[in-house]
Amino acid sequence: DRHPCFAPWTHALIDHVGLVKVCCMLRDKPVLGDLRQQSFREVWEGATYAALRDPHQLPLFAACRRCDDFLAENQQMATLLQVGLELAQVGK
């Protein structure tokens, strides 16, 4: 069962020591970067974040299956993407 989550494209959780994680549901792992050692841009555009954005990796983690924190946002994003795809087909 696939539960698409757009958090890797829209969110970052930065803890009190500067460690960057994808969201509050995944506070312990994975650590995507350390702002004491690299810029936010380097973390956001880095290979670790890119791997999370791979659509073939959904759902990302076991915690994603029981998360409803981003449910409304995910449904809205999915609808917008679907509408965009439909409009693109009309233009062909």
N, C-alpha and C. Protein backbone atom coordinates (compact mmCIF):
# COMPACT_ATOMS: atom_id res chain seq x y z
N ASP A 1 0.84 -1.19 0.00
CA ASP A 1 0.00 0.00 0.00
C ASP A 1 0.88 1.24 0.00
N ARG A 2 0.69 2.08 -0.99
CA ARG A 2 1.54 3.27 -1.12
C ARG A 2 0.86 4.49 -0.52
N HIS A 3 1.60 5.20 0.28
CA HIS A 3 1.12 6.43 0.91
C HIS A 3 2.07 7.55 0.53
N PRO A 4 1.82 8.23 -0.57
CA PRO A 4 2.75 9.27 -0.98
C PRO A 4 2.81 10.40 0.05
N CYS A 5 4.00 10.86 0.30
CA CYS A 5 4.20 11.97 1.22
C CYS A 5 5.08 13.00 0.54
N PHE A 6 4.65 14.24 0.59
CA PHE A 6 5.39 15.31 -0.07
C PHE A 6 6.33 16.03 0.89
N ALA A 7 6.42 15.57 2.14
CA ALA A 7 7.29 16.22 3.12
C ALA A 7 8.74 16.35 2.64
N PRO A 8 9.32 15.36 1.95
CA PRO A 8 10.70 15.54 1.50
C PRO A 8 10.88 16.70 0.51
N TRP A 9 9.81 17.16 -0.11
CA TRP A 9 9.88 18.29 -1.03
C TRP A 9 9.50 19.61 -0.37
N THR A 10 8.85 19.54 0.79
CA THR A 10 8.29 20.77 1.37
C THR A 10 8.70 21.03 2.81
N HIS A 11 9.32 20.09 3.50
CA HIS A 11 9.60 20.24 4.93
C HIS A 11 11.03 19.86 5.29
N ALA A 12 11.46 20.41 6.40
CA ALA A 12 12.70 20.01 7.05
C ALA A 12 12.53 20.26 8.53
N LEU A 13 12.99 19.35 9.34
CA LEU A 13 13.00 19.52 10.79
C LEU A 13 14.44 19.75 11.20
N ILE A 14 14.69 20.87 11.86
CA ILE A 14 16.03 21.18 12.34
C ILE A 14 15.98 21.13 13.87
N ASP A 15 16.78 20.24 14.44
CA ASP A 15 16.73 20.10 15.90
C ASP A 15 17.61 21.15 16.58
N HIS A 16 17.68 21.08 17.89
CA HIS A 16 18.36 22.09 18.69
C HIS A 16 19.87 22.14 18.50
N VAL A 17 20.46 21.13 17.91
CA VAL A 17 21.90 21.16 17.65
C VAL A 17 22.22 21.33 16.17
N GLY A 18 21.19 21.50 15.33
CA GLY A 18 21.41 21.75 13.92
C GLY A 18 21.34 20.53 13.02
N LEU A 19 20.90 19.40 13.55
CA LEU A 19 20.73 18.22 12.70
C LEU A 19 19.43 18.34 11.93
N VAL A 20 19.47 18.01 10.66
CA VAL A 20 18.31 18.15 9.78
C VAL A 20 17.70 16.78 9.55
N LYS A 21 16.39 16.69 9.77
CA LYS A 21 15.61 15.47 9.52
C LYS A 21 14.45 15.84 8.61
N VAL A 22 13.79 14.85 8.05
CA VAL A 22 12.73 15.13 7.08
C VAL A 22 11.46 15.65 7.74
N CYS A 23 11.11 15.14 8.92
CA CYS A 23 9.88 15.60 9.57
C CYS A 23 9.87 15.18 11.04
N CYS A 24 8.85 15.61 11.75
CA CYS A 24 8.76 15.32 13.18
C CYS A 24 8.47 13.85 13.47
N MET A 25 7.94 13.11 12.51
CA MET A 25 7.69 11.68 12.72
C MET A 25 8.99 10.88 12.69
N LEU A 26 10.01 11.45 12.09
CA LEU A 26 11.30 10.76 11.95
C LEU A 26 12.38 11.57 12.66
N ARG A 27 12.21 11.74 13.96
CA ARG A 27 13.14 12.56 14.74
C ARG A 27 14.51 11.91 14.92
N ASP A 28 14.56 10.60 14.92
CA ASP A 28 15.82 9.91 15.21
C ASP A 28 16.64 9.61 13.96
N LYS A 29 15.98 9.21 12.89
CA LYS A 29 16.69 8.87 11.67
C LYS A 29 15.80 9.09 10.48
N PRO A 30 16.27 9.30 9.34
CA PRO A 30 17.67 9.51 9.05
C PRO A 30 18.08 10.96 9.32
N VAL A 31 19.33 11.15 9.63
CA VAL A 31 19.87 12.51 9.73
C VAL A 31 20.31 12.88 8.32
N LEU A 32 19.74 13.95 7.80
CA LEU A 32 20.00 14.35 6.42
C LEU A 32 21.17 15.31 6.29
N GLY A 33 21.54 15.91 7.39
CA GLY A 33 22.67 16.83 7.37
C GLY A 33 22.88 17.46 8.73
N ASP A 34 23.96 18.21 8.82
CA ASP A 34 24.34 18.88 10.07
C ASP A 34 24.68 20.32 9.72
N LEU A 35 23.85 21.26 10.19
CA LEU A 35 24.04 22.67 9.84
C LEU A 35 25.27 23.28 10.48
N ARG A 36 25.91 22.56 11.38
CA ARG A 36 27.18 23.03 11.93
C ARG A 36 28.32 22.76 10.95
N GLN A 37 28.07 21.89 9.98
CA GLN A 37 29.12 21.50 9.04
C GLN A 37 28.81 21.85 7.59
N GLN A 38 27.54 22.15 7.29
CA GLN A 38 27.17 22.46 5.91
C GLN A 38 25.99 23.43 5.92
N SER A 39 25.78 24.09 4.80
CA SER A 39 24.67 25.04 4.70
C SER A 39 23.35 24.29 4.51
N PHE A 40 22.26 24.98 4.79
CA PHE A 40 20.96 24.37 4.57
C PHE A 40 20.79 24.01 3.10
N ARG A 41 21.22 24.87 2.22
CA ARG A 41 21.11 24.59 0.78
C ARG A 41 21.85 23.29 0.42
N GLU A 42 23.04 23.10 0.98
CA GLU A 42 23.79 21.87 0.71
C GLU A 42 23.02 20.64 1.19
N VAL A 43 22.38 20.76 2.35
CA VAL A 43 21.59 19.64 2.86
C VAL A 43 20.38 19.41 1.97
N TRP A 44 19.62 20.48 1.70
CA TRP A 44 18.36 20.40 0.93
C TRP A 44 18.59 19.85 -0.47
N GLU A 45 19.70 20.23 -1.09
CA GLU A 45 19.98 19.81 -2.46
C GLU A 45 20.93 18.60 -2.52
N GLY A 46 21.26 18.04 -1.37
CA GLY A 46 22.22 16.95 -1.30
C GLY A 46 21.65 15.58 -1.68
N ALA A 47 22.55 14.64 -1.76
CA ALA A 47 22.20 13.28 -2.20
C ALA A 47 21.26 12.57 -1.24
N THR A 48 21.38 12.83 0.06
CA THR A 48 20.53 12.14 1.03
C THR A 48 19.08 12.57 0.88
N TYR A 49 18.85 13.88 0.75
CA TYR A 49 17.48 14.36 0.53
C TYR A 49 16.97 13.85 -0.82
N ALA A 50 17.82 13.86 -1.84
CA ALA A 50 17.42 13.39 -3.17
C ALA A 50 16.96 11.93 -3.11
N ALA A 51 17.63 11.11 -2.33
CA ALA A 51 17.23 9.70 -2.21
C ALA A 51 15.84 9.58 -1.60
N LEU A 52 15.51 10.46 -0.63
CA LEU A 52 14.18 10.43 -0.03
C LEU A 52 13.10 10.84 -1.03
N ARG A 53 13.49 11.64 -1.99
CA ARG A 53 12.52 12.14 -2.98
C ARG A 53 12.30 11.16 -4.13
N ASP A 54 12.98 10.05 -4.12
CA ASP A 54 12.81 9.04 -5.17
C ASP A 54 11.42 8.43 -5.04
N PRO A 55 10.57 8.59 -6.07
CA PRO A 55 9.19 8.10 -5.97
C PRO A 55 9.09 6.59 -5.80
N HIS A 56 10.13 5.87 -6.14
CA HIS A 56 10.09 4.41 -5.99
C HIS A 56 10.32 3.97 -4.55
N GLN A 57 10.64 4.91 -3.67
CA GLN A 57 10.92 4.58 -2.28
C GLN A 57 9.72 4.80 -1.36
N LEU A 58 8.54 5.05 -1.91
CA LEU A 58 7.37 5.33 -1.07
C LEU A 58 6.66 4.05 -0.68
N PRO A 59 6.15 3.92 0.54
CA PRO A 59 6.33 4.87 1.63
C PRO A 59 7.76 4.84 2.14
N LEU A 60 8.18 5.94 2.71
CA LEU A 60 9.57 6.10 3.09
C LEU A 60 9.99 5.17 4.23
N PHE A 61 9.22 5.18 5.31
CA PHE A 61 9.57 4.42 6.52
C PHE A 61 8.29 3.88 7.14
N ALA A 62 8.43 2.97 8.09
CA ALA A 62 7.26 2.42 8.77
C ALA A 62 6.43 3.53 9.41
N ALA A 63 7.08 4.54 9.95
CA ALA A 63 6.37 5.66 10.58
C ALA A 63 5.46 6.37 9.58
N CYS A 64 5.82 6.37 8.32
CA CYS A 64 5.02 7.05 7.29
C CYS A 64 3.65 6.38 7.13
N ARG A 65 3.59 5.09 7.36
CA ARG A 65 2.33 4.36 7.20
C ARG A 65 1.28 4.76 8.23
N ARG A 66 1.74 5.21 9.40
CA ARG A 66 0.78 5.58 10.44
C ARG A 66 0.72 7.09 10.69
N CYS A 67 1.35 7.86 9.84
CA CYS A 67 1.37 9.31 10.00
C CYS A 67 0.16 9.94 9.34
N ASP A 68 -0.52 10.80 10.09
CA ASP A 68 -1.58 11.60 9.47
C ASP A 68 -1.29 13.09 9.66
N ASP A 69 -0.08 13.43 10.07
CA ASP A 69 0.29 14.83 10.28
C ASP A 69 0.19 15.65 9.00
N PHE A 70 0.54 15.05 7.88
CA PHE A 70 0.54 15.76 6.61
C PHE A 70 -0.58 15.29 5.69
N LEU A 71 -1.57 14.61 6.24
CA LEU A 71 -2.62 14.00 5.43
C LEU A 71 -3.31 15.02 4.53
N ALA A 72 -3.77 16.13 5.08
CA ALA A 72 -4.47 17.14 4.28
C ALA A 72 -3.55 17.72 3.22
N GLU A 73 -2.31 18.05 3.61
CA GLU A 73 -1.36 18.61 2.65
C GLU A 73 -1.05 17.61 1.54
N ASN A 74 -0.87 16.35 1.89
CA ASN A 74 -0.59 15.33 0.88
C ASN A 74 -1.75 15.16 -0.08
N GLN A 75 -2.98 15.18 0.43
CA GLN A 75 -4.16 15.06 -0.43
C GLN A 75 -4.26 16.27 -1.36
N GLN A 76 -3.99 17.47 -0.85
CA GLN A 76 -4.05 18.67 -1.68
C GLN A 76 -2.98 18.63 -2.77
N MET A 77 -1.76 18.23 -2.40
CA MET A 77 -0.69 18.15 -3.39
C MET A 77 -1.01 17.10 -4.46
N ALA A 78 -1.53 15.96 -4.06
CA ALA A 78 -1.89 14.91 -5.03
C ALA A 78 -2.97 15.42 -5.98
N THR A 79 -3.95 16.15 -5.46
CA THR A 79 -5.00 16.71 -6.30
C THR A 79 -4.43 17.73 -7.28
N LEU A 80 -3.56 18.62 -6.80
CA LEU A 80 -2.95 19.61 -7.68
C LEU A 80 -2.13 18.95 -8.78
N LEU A 81 -1.38 17.93 -8.42
CA LEU A 81 -0.60 17.22 -9.43
C LEU A 81 -1.49 16.54 -10.46
N GLN A 82 -2.57 15.94 -10.01
CA GLN A 82 -3.51 15.28 -10.92
C GLN A 82 -4.15 16.29 -11.86
N VAL A 83 -4.58 17.43 -11.32
CA VAL A 83 -5.18 18.48 -12.15
C VAL A 83 -4.16 18.97 -13.17
N GLY A 84 -2.92 19.15 -12.74
CA GLY A 84 -1.87 19.58 -13.66
C GLY A 84 -1.66 18.58 -14.78
N LEU A 85 -1.66 17.30 -14.45
CA LEU A 85 -1.50 16.26 -15.47
C LEU A 85 -2.67 16.26 -16.45
N GLU A 86 -3.88 16.45 -15.92
CA GLU A 86 -5.06 16.49 -16.79
C GLU A 86 -5.03 17.71 -17.70
N LEU A 87 -4.62 18.86 -17.18
CA LEU A 87 -4.52 20.06 -18.01
C LEU A 87 -3.46 19.90 -19.09
N ALA A 88 -2.38 19.23 -18.76
CA ALA A 88 -1.33 18.99 -19.74
C ALA A 88 -1.85 18.13 -20.89
N GLN A 89 -2.71 17.17 -20.59
CA GLN A 89 -3.29 16.31 -21.62
C GLN A 89 -4.25 17.09 -22.52
N VAL A 90 -4.98 18.06 -21.94
CA VAL A 90 -5.92 18.87 -22.72
C VAL A 90 -5.16 19.70 -23.75
N GLY A 91 -3.98 20.17 -23.37
CA GLY A 91 -3.19 21.01 -24.25
C GLY A 91 -2.54 20.27 -25.40
N LYS A 92 -2.61 18.96 -25.41
CA LYS A 92 -1.95 18.18 -26.48
C LYS A 92 -2.85 18.01 -27.66
